[in-house]
C-alpha atoms as a PDB file:
ATOM      1  CA  UNK A   1    -101.376  -8.714-111.143  1.00  0.00           C
ATOM      2  CA  UNK A   2    -103.964 -11.351-109.803  1.00  0.00           C
ATOM      3  CA  UNK A   3    -105.563 -14.478-111.554  1.00  0.00           C
ATOM      4  CA  UNK A   4    -107.409 -12.302-114.082  1.00  0.00           C
ATOM      5  CA  UNK A   5    -104.489 -11.891-116.786  1.00  0.00           C
ATOM      6  CA  UNK A   6    -105.246 -13.152-120.335  1.00  0.00           C
ATOM      7  CA  UNK A   7    -108.940 -13.645-119.271  1.00  0.00           C
ATOM      8  CA  UNK A   8    -111.637 -11.417-120.749  1.00  0.00           C
ATOM      9  CA  UNK A   9    -112.367 -12.178-124.532  1.00  0.00           C
ATOM     10  CA  UNK A  10    -109.484 -14.499-123.916  1.00  0.00           C
ATOM     11  CA  UNK A  11    -107.503 -11.888-122.592  1.00  0.00           C
ATOM     12  CA  UNK A  12    -105.646 -11.006-125.774  1.00  0.00           C
ATOM     13  CA  UNK A  13    -102.842  -8.356-125.323  1.00  0.00           C
ATOM     14  CA  UNK A  14    -100.166  -6.399-127.378  1.00  0.00           C
ATOM     15  CA  UNK A  15     -97.130  -5.694-125.245  1.00  0.00           C
ATOM     16  CA  UNK A  16     -95.224  -3.571-126.914  1.00  0.00           C
ATOM     17  CA  UNK A  17     -92.192  -1.719-124.596  1.00  0.00           C
ATOM     18  CA  UNK A  18     -89.243   0.548-125.199  1.00  0.00           C
ATOM     19  CA  UNK A  19     -86.345   0.412-124.015  1.00  0.00           C
ATOM     20  CA  UNK A  20     -83.390   3.317-124.278  1.00  0.00           C
ATOM     21  CA  UNK A  21     -79.718   2.347-125.370  1.00  0.00           C
ATOM     22  CA  UNK A  22     -78.950   1.993-122.112  1.00  0.00           C
ATOM     23  CA  UNK A  23     -81.767  -0.458-120.639  1.00  0.00           C
ATOM     24  CA  UNK A  24     -82.596   1.689-117.837  1.00  0.00           C
ATOM     25  CA  UNK A  25     -85.143   3.760-118.992  1.00  0.00           C
ATOM     26  CA  UNK A  26     -88.504   3.087-120.936  1.00  0.00           C
ATOM     27  CA  UNK A  27     -88.575   5.890-123.787  1.00  0.00           C
ATOM     28  CA  UNK A  28     -91.065   6.069-126.779  1.00  0.00           C
ATOM     29  CA  UNK A  29     -88.536   6.951-129.719  1.00  0.00           C
ATOM     30  CA  UNK A  30     -89.658   4.643-132.506  1.00  0.00           C
ATOM     31  CA  UNK A  31     -86.116   4.616-133.701  1.00  0.00           C
ATOM     32  CA  UNK A  32     -85.107   2.782-130.563  1.00  0.00           C
ATOM     33  CA  UNK A  33     -84.668  -1.261-129.956  1.00  0.00           C
ATOM     34  CA  UNK A  34     -88.489  -2.313-128.437  1.00  0.00           C
ATOM     35  CA  UNK A  35     -89.082  -4.776-125.554  1.00  0.00           C
ATOM     36  CA  UNK A  36     -91.933  -7.269-126.558  1.00  0.00           C
ATOM     37  CA  UNK A  37     -93.332  -9.958-123.915  1.00  0.00           C
ATOM     38  CA  UNK A  38     -93.016 -13.042-125.918  1.00  0.00           C
ATOM     39  CA  UNK A  39     -94.110 -15.037-123.154  1.00  0.00           C
ATOM     40  CA  UNK A  40     -96.340 -15.439-119.833  1.00  0.00           C
ATOM     41  CA  UNK A  41     -96.302 -18.298-117.312  1.00  0.00           C
ATOM     42  CA  UNK A  42     -98.513 -18.389-114.733  1.00  0.00           C
ATOM     43  CA  UNK A  43     -99.541 -20.657-111.731  1.00  0.00           C
ATOM     44  CA  UNK A  44    -102.107 -21.101-110.575  1.00  0.00           C
ATOM     45  CA  UNK A  45    -102.167 -21.945-106.306  1.00  0.00           C
ATOM     46  CA  UNK A  46    -106.101 -22.268-105.765  1.00  0.00           C
ATOM     47  CA  UNK A  47    -105.275 -26.058-105.363  1.00  0.00           C
ATOM     48  CA  UNK A  48    -101.659 -25.789-103.417  1.00  0.00           C
ATOM     49  CA  UNK A  49    -100.719 -28.854-103.991  1.00  0.00           C
ATOM     50  CA  UNK A  50    -101.492 -29.334-107.481  1.00  0.00           C
ATOM     51  CA  UNK A  51    -100.404 -26.017-108.850  1.00  0.00           C
ATOM     52  CA  UNK A  52    -101.916 -25.226-112.380  1.00  0.00           C
ATOM     53  CA  UNK A  53     -99.460 -24.057-114.807  1.00  0.00           C
ATOM     54  CA  UNK A  54    -100.446 -21.932-118.227  1.00  0.00           C
ATOM     55  CA  UNK A  55     -98.126 -20.654-120.951  1.00  0.00           C
ATOM     56  CA  UNK A  56     -98.688 -17.973-123.165  1.00  0.00           C
ATOM     57  CA  UNK A  57     -96.731 -17.492-126.013  1.00  0.00           C
ATOM     58  CA  UNK A  58     -96.791 -14.108-128.424  1.00  0.00           C
ATOM     59  CA  UNK A  59     -96.104 -12.845-132.123  1.00  0.00           C
ATOM     60  CA  UNK A  60     -95.324  -9.739-133.402  1.00  0.00           C
ATOM     61  CA  UNK A  61     -95.300  -8.226-137.080  1.00  0.00           C
ATOM     62  CA  UNK A  62     -92.342  -5.833-137.991  1.00  0.00           C
ATOM     63  CA  UNK A  63     -94.206  -2.367-136.568  1.00  0.00           C
ATOM     64  CA  UNK A  64     -94.512  -4.147-132.960  1.00  0.00           C
ATOM     65  CA  UNK A  65     -98.022  -5.505-133.538  1.00  0.00           C
ATOM     66  CA  UNK A  66     -99.572  -8.776-131.975  1.00  0.00           C
ATOM     67  CA  UNK A  67    -100.857 -10.578-134.324  1.00  0.00           C
ATOM     68  CA  UNK A  68    -100.860 -13.471-133.019  1.00  0.00           C
ATOM     69  CA  UNK A  69    -101.303 -15.575-129.237  1.00  0.00           C
ATOM     70  CA  UNK A  70    -100.986 -19.235-128.237  1.00  0.00           C
ATOM     71  CA  UNK A  71    -102.373 -20.504-124.817  1.00  0.00           C
ATOM     72  CA  UNK A  72    -103.149 -23.717-123.720  1.00  0.00           C
ATOM     73  CA  UNK A  73    -103.587 -25.089-127.532  1.00  0.00           C
ATOM     74  CA  UNK A  74    -105.811 -22.535-128.354  1.00  0.00           C
ATOM     75  CA  UNK A  75    -105.047 -19.489-130.796  1.00  0.00           C
ATOM     76  CA  UNK A  76    -105.898 -15.818-131.259  1.00  0.00           C
ATOM     77  CA  UNK A  77    -105.033 -13.950-134.628  1.00  0.00           C
ATOM     78  CA  UNK A  78    -105.178 -10.090-134.788  1.00  0.00           C
ATOM     79  CA  UNK A  79    -106.104  -7.555-137.323  1.00  0.00           C
ATOM     80  CA  UNK A  80    -105.446  -4.151-137.503  1.00  0.00           C
ATOM     81  CA  UNK A  81    -105.993  -1.013-139.363  1.00  0.00           C
ATOM     82  CA  UNK A  82    -104.134   1.945-138.954  1.00  0.00           C
ATOM     83  CA  UNK A  83    -102.590   1.402-135.411  1.00  0.00           C
ATOM     84  CA  UNK A  84    -106.135   0.346-134.218  1.00  0.00           C
ATOM     85  CA  UNK A  85    -107.351  -3.854-133.858  1.00  0.00           C
ATOM     86  CA  UNK A  86    -110.157  -3.809-135.753  1.00  0.00           C
ATOM     87  CA  UNK A  87    -110.875  -7.841-135.283  1.00  0.00           C
ATOM     88  CA  UNK A  88    -109.937 -11.126-133.317  1.00  0.00           C
ATOM     89  CA  UNK A  89    -110.137 -14.220-134.990  1.00  0.00           C
ATOM     90  CA  UNK A  90    -110.373 -17.010-131.784  1.00  0.00           C
ATOM     91  CA  UNK A  91    -109.428 -20.639-132.732  1.00  0.00           C
ATOM     92  CA  UNK A  92    -109.519 -23.917-130.946  1.00  0.00           C
ATOM     93  CA  UNK A  93    -106.813 -26.446-130.068  1.00  0.00           C
ATOM     94  CA  UNK A  94    -107.769 -28.007-133.562  1.00  0.00           C
ATOM     95  CA  UNK A  95    -107.516 -24.765-135.338  1.00  0.00           C
ATOM     96  CA  UNK A  96    -111.375 -24.286-135.717  1.00  0.00           C
ATOM     97  CA  UNK A  97    -112.961 -20.461-135.905  1.00  0.00           C
ATOM     98  CA  UNK A  98    -114.707 -20.951-132.606  1.00  0.00           C
ATOM     99  CA  UNK A  99    -116.088 -16.997-132.761  1.00  0.00           C
ATOM    100  CA  UNK A 100    -114.537 -13.780-133.741  1.00  0.00           C
ATOM    101  CA  UNK A 101    -114.831 -10.101-131.760  1.00  0.00           C
ATOM    102  CA  UNK A 102    -114.809  -6.844-133.822  1.00  0.00           C
ATOM    103  CA  UNK A 103    -113.863  -3.604-132.420  1.00  0.00           C
ATOM    104  CA  UNK A 104    -115.893  -0.454-132.942  1.00  0.00           C
ATOM    105  CA  UNK A 105    -114.858   3.016-132.666  1.00  0.00           C
ATOM    106  CA  UNK A 106    -116.111   6.677-132.381  1.00  0.00           C
ATOM    107  CA  UNK A 107    -113.538   8.505-133.851  1.00  0.00           C
ATOM    108  CA  UNK A 108    -110.512   7.415-132.081  1.00  0.00           C
ATOM    109  CA  UNK A 109    -112.177   6.147-129.115  1.00  0.00           C
ATOM    110  CA  UNK A 110    -112.974   2.481-128.245  1.00  0.00           C
ATOM    111  CA  UNK A 111    -116.608   1.882-127.571  1.00  0.00           C
ATOM    112  CA  UNK A 112    -117.872  -1.718-127.823  1.00  0.00           C
ATOM    113  CA  UNK A 113    -115.985  -4.759-128.444  1.00  0.00           C
ATOM    114  CA  UNK A 114    -118.527  -7.609-130.334  1.00  0.00           C
ATOM    115  CA  UNK A 115    -117.935 -11.044-129.856  1.00  0.00           C
ATOM    116  CA  UNK A 116    -119.805 -13.280-133.026  1.00  0.00           C
ATOM    117  CA  UNK A 117    -120.910 -16.725-132.687  1.00  0.00           C
ATOM    118  CA  UNK A 118    -122.213 -18.953-135.177  1.00  0.00           C
ATOM    119  CA  UNK A 119    -124.926 -19.875-132.503  1.00  0.00           C
ATOM    120  CA  UNK A 120    -126.357 -16.104-132.154  1.00  0.00           C
ATOM    121  CA  UNK A 121    -127.117 -16.813-128.288  1.00  0.00           C
ATOM    122  CA  UNK A 122    -123.863 -17.042-127.148  1.00  0.00           C
ATOM    123  CA  UNK A 123    -122.272 -13.563-128.738  1.00  0.00           C
ATOM    124  CA  UNK A 124    -122.136 -10.565-126.121  1.00  0.00           C
ATOM    125  CA  UNK A 125    -121.103  -6.915-126.170  1.00  0.00           C
ATOM    126  CA  UNK A 126    -118.675  -5.170-124.064  1.00  0.00           C
ATOM    127  CA  UNK A 127    -119.381  -1.440-124.040  1.00  0.00           C
ATOM    128  CA  UNK A 128    -116.832   1.162-122.503  1.00  0.00           C
ATOM    129  CA  UNK A 129    -117.238   4.417-121.111  1.00  0.00           C
ATOM    130  CA  UNK A 130    -114.528   7.680-120.100  1.00  0.00           C
ATOM    131  CA  UNK A 131    -114.386  10.201-117.921  1.00  0.00           C
ATOM    132  CA  UNK A 132    -112.988  13.877-118.672  1.00  0.00           C
ATOM    133  CA  UNK A 133    -109.657  12.746-119.232  1.00  0.00           C
ATOM    134  CA  UNK A 134    -110.123  10.072-122.003  1.00  0.00           C
ATOM    135  CA  UNK A 135    -109.301   7.051-119.067  1.00  0.00           C
ATOM    136  CA  UNK A 136    -111.747   3.969-118.444  1.00  0.00           C
ATOM    137  CA  UNK A 137    -113.892   4.624-115.796  1.00  0.00           C
ATOM    138  CA  UNK A 138    -116.559   1.474-116.551  1.00  0.00           C
ATOM    139  CA  UNK A 139    -116.890  -1.381-119.118  1.00  0.00           C
ATOM    140  CA  UNK A 140    -120.613  -3.181-119.396  1.00  0.00           C
ATOM    141  CA  UNK A 141    -120.813  -6.634-120.294  1.00  0.00           C
ATOM    142  CA  UNK A 142    -124.318  -7.809-121.853  1.00  0.00           C
ATOM    143  CA  UNK A 143    -124.425 -11.331-122.706  1.00  0.00           C
ATOM    144  CA  UNK A 144    -128.074 -11.461-124.473  1.00  0.00           C
ATOM    145  CA  UNK A 145    -129.510  -8.770-126.662  1.00  0.00           C
ATOM    146  CA  UNK A 146    -131.482  -7.224-124.581  1.00  0.00           C
ATOM    147  CA  UNK A 147    -128.586  -6.553-121.884  1.00  0.00           C
ATOM    148  CA  UNK A 148    -130.622  -8.405-118.854  1.00  0.00           C
ATOM    149  CA  UNK A 149    -128.426  -9.032-116.268  1.00  0.00           C
ATOM    150  CA  UNK A 150    -125.269  -7.521-117.581  1.00  0.00           C
ATOM    151  CA  UNK A 151    -121.795  -7.466-115.765  1.00  0.00           C
ATOM    152  CA  UNK A 152    -119.931  -4.193-114.764  1.00  0.00           C
ATOM    153  CA  UNK A 153    -116.870  -3.113-114.180  1.00  0.00           C
ATOM    154  CA  UNK A 154    -115.880   0.369-112.445  1.00  0.00           C
ATOM    155  CA  UNK A 155    -113.081   2.034-111.798  1.00  0.00           C
ATOM    156  CA  UNK A 156    -111.647   4.775-109.423  1.00  0.00           C
ATOM    157  CA  UNK A 157    -107.532   6.226-109.884  1.00  0.00           C
ATOM    158  CA  UNK A 158    -105.127   7.934-108.042  1.00  0.00           C
ATOM    159  CA  UNK A 159    -103.059   9.259-110.772  1.00  0.00           C
ATOM    160  CA  UNK A 160    -102.167   7.102-113.478  1.00  0.00           C
ATOM    161  CA  UNK A 161    -102.858   4.272-111.401  1.00  0.00           C
ATOM    162  CA  UNK A 162    -106.411   2.423-110.971  1.00  0.00           C
ATOM    163  CA  UNK A 163    -106.981   2.936-106.650  1.00  0.00           C
ATOM    164  CA  UNK A 164    -110.645   0.611-106.211  1.00  0.00           C
ATOM    165  CA  UNK A 165    -111.660  -2.045-109.166  1.00  0.00           C
ATOM    166  CA  UNK A 166    -115.201  -2.810-108.613  1.00  0.00           C
ATOM    167  CA  UNK A 167    -116.987  -5.713-110.549  1.00  0.00           C
ATOM    168  CA  UNK A 168    -120.640  -7.127-110.529  1.00  0.00           C
ATOM    169  CA  UNK A 169    -121.301 -10.363-112.234  1.00  0.00           C
ATOM    170  CA  UNK A 170    -124.581 -10.201-113.294  1.00  0.00           C
ATOM    171  CA  UNK A 171    -127.581 -13.106-113.747  1.00  0.00           C
ATOM    172  CA  UNK A 172    -129.741 -14.642-112.122  1.00  0.00           C
ATOM    173  CA  UNK A 173    -128.434 -14.244-108.639  1.00  0.00           C
ATOM    174  CA  UNK A 174    -125.381 -11.752-108.739  1.00  0.00           C
ATOM    175  CA  UNK A 175    -122.462 -11.112-107.179  1.00  0.00           C
ATOM    176  CA  UNK A 176    -119.748  -8.229-106.830  1.00  0.00           C
ATOM    177  CA  UNK A 177    -116.240  -8.109-105.589  1.00  0.00           C
ATOM    178  CA  UNK A 178    -114.185  -4.986-104.963  1.00  0.00           C
ATOM    179  CA  UNK A 179    -109.857  -4.725-104.927  1.00  0.00           C
ATOM    180  CA  UNK A 180    -108.449  -1.915-103.819  1.00  0.00           C
ATOM    181  CA  UNK A 181    -104.856  -1.659-104.812  1.00  0.00           C
ATOM    182  CA  UNK A 182    -101.171  -0.436-103.931  1.00  0.00           C
ATOM    183  CA  UNK A 183     -98.310   0.443-106.102  1.00  0.00           C
ATOM    184  CA  UNK A 184     -94.602   0.598-106.972  1.00  0.00           C
ATOM    185  CA  UNK A 185     -93.063   3.270-108.937  1.00  0.00           C
ATOM    186  CA  UNK A 186     -91.868   1.159-111.683  1.00  0.00           C
ATOM    187  CA  UNK A 187     -93.432   0.988-115.345  1.00  0.00           C
ATOM    188  CA  UNK A 188     -95.649  -2.024-115.824  1.00  0.00           C
ATOM    189  CA  UNK A 189     -95.246  -4.060-118.684  1.00  0.00           C
ATOM    190  CA  UNK A 190     -98.433  -2.945-120.559  1.00  0.00           C
ATOM    191  CA  UNK A 191     -96.611   0.796-120.747  1.00  0.00           C
ATOM    192  CA  UNK A 192     -96.354   1.428-124.522  1.00  0.00           C
ATOM    193  CA  UNK A 193     -99.298  -1.521-125.123  1.00  0.00           C
ATOM    194  CA  UNK A 194    -102.001  -0.619-128.124  1.00  0.00           C
ATOM    195  CA  UNK A 195    -104.082   1.969-126.026  1.00  0.00           C
ATOM    196  CA  UNK A 196    -107.007  -0.574-126.964  1.00  0.00           C
ATOM    197  CA  UNK A 197    -105.902  -3.713-126.605  1.00  0.00           C
ATOM    198  CA  UNK A 198    -105.439  -2.247-123.102  1.00  0.00           C
ATOM    199  CA  UNK A 199    -109.082  -1.162-122.617  1.00  0.00           C
ATOM    200  CA  UNK A 200    -110.141  -4.408-123.935  1.00  0.00           C
ATOM    201  CA  UNK A 201    -108.187  -6.353-121.082  1.00  0.00           C
ATOM    202  CA  UNK A 202    -109.953  -4.081-118.908  1.00  0.00           C
ATOM    203  CA  UNK A 203    -108.491  -4.846-115.173  1.00  0.00           C
ATOM    204  CA  UNK A 204    -105.623  -2.468-113.384  1.00  0.00           C
ATOM    205  CA  UNK A 205    -102.738  -4.942-114.342  1.00  0.00           C
ATOM    206  CA  UNK A 206    -103.100  -2.882-117.878  1.00  0.00           C
ATOM    207  CA  UNK A 207    -104.769  -0.234-117.557  1.00  0.00           C
ATOM    208  CA  UNK A 208    -102.477   0.944-114.578  1.00  0.00           C
ATOM    209  CA  UNK A 209     -98.741   2.874-115.187  1.00  0.00           C
ATOM    210  CA  UNK A 210     -97.648   1.020-112.615  1.00  0.00           C
ATOM    211  CA  UNK A 211     -97.170  -3.012-110.814  1.00  0.00           C
ATOM    212  CA  UNK A 212     -99.420  -2.982-108.251  1.00  0.00           C
ATOM    213  CA  UNK A 213     -97.735  -4.868-104.898  1.00  0.00           C
ATOM    214  CA  UNK A 214    -101.031  -5.448-102.771  1.00  0.00           C
ATOM    215  CA  UNK A 215    -104.656  -6.491-103.161  1.00  0.00           C
ATOM    216  CA  UNK A 216    -107.011  -6.156-100.817  1.00  0.00           C
ATOM    217  CA  UNK A 217    -110.154  -8.214-101.792  1.00  0.00           C
ATOM    218  CA  UNK A 218    -113.780  -7.483-100.447  1.00  0.00           C
ATOM    219  CA  UNK A 219    -117.504  -9.173-101.640  1.00  0.00           C
ATOM    220  CA  UNK A 220    -120.678  -7.443-101.298  1.00  0.00           C
ATOM    221  CA  UNK A 221    -122.998  -8.725 -98.850  1.00  0.00           C
ATOM    222  CA  UNK A 222    -126.908  -9.085 -99.314  1.00  0.00           C
ATOM    223  CA  UNK A 223    -127.184  -5.856 -97.306  1.00  0.00           C
ATOM    224  CA  UNK A 224    -124.830  -3.796 -99.879  1.00  0.00           C
ATOM    225  CA  UNK A 225    -122.017  -3.976 -96.900  1.00  0.00           C
ATOM    226  CA  UNK A 226    -118.360  -4.903 -97.877  1.00  0.00           C
ATOM    227  CA  UNK A 227    -116.271  -7.622 -95.829  1.00  0.00           C
ATOM    228  CA  UNK A 228    -112.489  -8.098 -96.886  1.00  0.00           C
ATOM    229  CA  UNK A 229    -111.608 -12.027 -96.928  1.00  0.00           C
ATOM    230  CA  UNK A 230    -108.071 -11.767 -99.131  1.00  0.00           C
ATOM    231  CA  UNK A 231    -104.932  -9.623 -98.704  1.00  0.00           C
ATOM    232  CA  UNK A 232    -102.606 -10.388-101.353  1.00  0.00           C
ATOM    233  CA  UNK A 233     -98.989  -8.928-101.522  1.00  0.00           C
ATOM    234  CA  UNK A 234     -96.635  -9.071-104.369  1.00  0.00           C
ATOM    235  CA  UNK A 235     -93.100  -9.265-104.397  1.00  0.00           C
ATOM    236  CA  UNK A 236     -92.042  -7.924-107.869  1.00  0.00           C
ATOM    237  CA  UNK A 237     -88.218  -9.168-109.757  1.00  0.00           C
ATOM    238  CA  UNK A 238     -87.462  -6.596-112.322  1.00  0.00           C
ATOM    239  CA  UNK A 239     -84.653  -6.665-115.585  1.00  0.00           C
ATOM    240  CA  UNK A 240     -82.137  -3.863-116.136  1.00  0.00           C
ATOM    241  CA  UNK A 241     -84.767  -1.754-118.099  1.00  0.00           C
ATOM    242  CA  UNK A 242     -87.324  -2.287-114.899  1.00  0.00           C
ATOM    243  CA  UNK A 243     -89.639  -4.194-116.239  1.00  0.00           C
ATOM    244  CA  UNK A 244     -91.462  -6.585-114.203  1.00  0.00           C
ATOM    245  CA  UNK A 245     -89.814 -10.782-114.954  1.00  0.00           C
ATOM    246  CA  UNK A 246     -91.422 -12.201-111.998  1.00  0.00           C
ATOM    247  CA  UNK A 247     -94.096 -11.375-110.036  1.00  0.00           C
ATOM    248  CA  UNK A 248     -95.269 -13.738-106.603  1.00  0.00           C
ATOM    249  CA  UNK A 249     -98.375 -12.751-104.894  1.00  0.00           C
ATOM    250  CA  UNK A 250     -98.760 -14.594-101.212  1.00  0.00           C
ATOM    251  CA  UNK A 251    -101.997 -14.764 -99.035  1.00  0.00           C
ATOM    252  CA  UNK A 252    -101.824 -13.026 -95.465  1.00  0.00           C
ATOM    253  CA  UNK A 253    -100.556 -16.298 -94.167  1.00  0.00           C
ATOM    254  CA  UNK A 254     -97.811 -16.549 -96.050  1.00  0.00           C
ATOM    255  CA  UNK A 255     -99.349 -19.335 -98.794  1.00  0.00           C
ATOM    256  CA  UNK A 256     -98.603 -18.772-102.360  1.00  0.00           C
ATOM    257  CA  UNK A 257    -101.213 -17.599-104.589  1.00  0.00           C
ATOM    258  CA  UNK A 258    -100.350 -16.824-107.801  1.00  0.00           C
ATOM    259  CA  UNK A 259     -96.882 -16.648-109.809  1.00  0.00           C
ATOM    260  CA  UNK A 260     -96.124 -14.640-113.623  1.00  0.00           C
ATOM    261  CA  UNK A 261     -93.050 -15.420-114.880  1.00  0.00           C
ATOM    262  CA  UNK A 262     -91.909 -12.745-118.068  1.00  0.00           C
ATOM    263  CA  UNK A 263     -90.102 -13.391-120.960  1.00  0.00           C
ATOM    264  CA  UNK A 264     -89.202 -10.428-123.677  1.00  0.00           C
ATOM    265  CA  UNK A 265     -87.538 -10.337-126.824  1.00  0.00           C
ATOM    266  CA  UNK A 266     -86.150  -7.207-128.710  1.00  0.00           C
ATOM    267  CA  UNK A 267     -87.255  -5.985-131.806  1.00  0.00           C
END
């Protein structure tokens, strides 16, 4: 889970997870009711004496597509065409349009997402590449027209889960970190999420089939070697549909790291 939830292009998410009539397993039957993620409360413990809490809420149309996300007074409004997200408008707390993002496709494959600002110097583009199985294997974020000093993320898989996520932060002085992940056998809240939204979110928590229960975080040294400096363990509570309702992450020393509380509605 970590602290990437709902970041990245405002971290928009469509989370619609179907449940069976006995509420014990996830199905894709369109005739079944759907569990939709309606609220996520996140508590960050970067400053243990003064934890930071953020709340994100979600609104859906009758097709179960996310149409609006609210977080910290800011909002994101989504547009679709034939099940594909095509545009997201991002508004400030005063409901002024800050920027918008457009989705570009090659057939059914999402190629890139472009964020457009009034000041073109702020424009940016995320470009995606896939393996032969259609899984996202890398993303590149360009924050200039010539894409100098891009930020990149690469993903290695073990089955349907991302086992290693490596990110390089572009800039005058670049940095890189690596996350090695272990998983439970339960379906993640994003199991039936619109696949293009999962790609947009770009992280293991949305792209993987299951929920990760541990992560080792390492940072790259100037000589190219890696030094591990964090080992996070996650304890997960589930509802009757076996979807996470609370995730608590702790450091190796037992200190709190982050906590997520998930609330769902049935539609």
